[in-house]
Amino acid sequence: MGRLDRRSQSAKMRFEAARKRRMHPLWQGQLAPVHWRTKFTTKEMKDV
């Protein structure tokens, strides 16, 4: 259980880091296109 928990936590941190990296200042105050968000989410899901 602890092992699984730690693994999911690291995956979550990686996800957050990737999201911050992709969040260019230009995106601030502006919604990313739906296709951009979808593509990003599915890629992250496969990565985890």
Protein backbone atom coordinates (compact mmCIF):
# COMPACT_ATOMS: atom_id res chain seq x y z
CA MET A 1 0.00 0.00 0.00
CA GLY A 2 2.75 2.46 0.95
CA ARG A 3 4.66 1.59 -2.18
CA LEU A 4 1.67 2.22 -4.43
CA ASP A 5 0.96 5.47 -2.63
CA ARG A 6 4.50 6.75 -3.14
CA ARG A 7 4.38 5.78 -6.80
CA SER A 8 1.13 7.63 -7.42
CA GLN A 9 2.52 10.63 -5.57
CA SER A 10 5.62 10.80 -7.79
CA ALA A 11 3.38 10.47 -10.85
CA LYS A 12 1.27 13.33 -9.56
CA MET A 13 4.35 15.49 -9.00
CA ARG A 14 5.57 14.69 -12.50
CA PHE A 15 2.17 15.63 -13.87
CA GLU A 16 2.21 18.96 -12.01
CA ALA A 17 5.75 19.71 -13.21
CA ALA A 18 4.83 18.96 -16.82
CA ARG A 19 1.74 21.13 -16.54
CA LYS A 20 3.74 24.04 -15.14
CA ARG A 21 6.34 23.63 -17.90
CA ARG A 22 3.65 23.77 -20.57
CA MET A 23 1.88 26.73 -18.95
CA HIS A 24 3.58 29.45 -20.94
CA PRO A 25 2.90 33.01 -19.72
CA LEU A 26 0.87 33.58 -22.90
CA TRP A 27 -1.69 31.07 -21.61
CA GLN A 28 -2.35 33.02 -18.41
CA GLY A 29 -5.86 34.46 -18.13
CA GLN A 30 -6.88 32.51 -21.20
CA LEU A 31 -8.26 29.00 -21.59
CA ALA A 32 -6.21 26.58 -23.61
CA PRO A 33 -8.08 25.16 -26.61
CA VAL A 34 -10.07 22.04 -25.78
CA HIS A 35 -8.06 19.88 -28.19
CA TRP A 36 -4.82 21.09 -26.55
CA ARG A 37 -6.08 20.15 -23.09
CA THR A 38 -7.40 16.79 -24.28
CA LYS A 39 -4.19 15.86 -26.07
CA PHE A 40 -2.15 16.85 -23.03
CA THR A 41 -4.35 14.88 -20.62
CA THR A 42 -4.38 11.67 -22.67
CA LYS A 43 -0.60 11.83 -23.13
CA GLU A 44 -0.08 12.23 -19.40
CA MET A 45 -2.46 9.36 -18.66
CA LYS A 46 -0.51 7.06 -20.96
CA ASP A 47 2.77 8.27 -19.44
CA VAL A 48 1.60 7.32 -15.94
